[in-house]
Amino acid sequence: MATSSIYTNVKIKDKAACRKLINALDKAAKAKTPRVEFSRQPEIVRGEKIKEILGDDE
């Protein structure tokens, strides 16, 4: 996600919209994300190996 998207100004024009925003923020804060477990170790790939993986034809 681009960092600029979290720095957006929001203008709330009525009480109902304010309540909806607060409820959405509260719900998001309480939501738990599942723990991610990798099935294998990540591999650092550089240089020629990247070209090999991506199939660079040059």
Foldseek 3Di string as FASTA:
>chain_A
DDPVVVVDDDDDDDDVVVVVVVVVVVVVVPDDDDDDDDPDDDDDDDDPRVCVVVVPPD
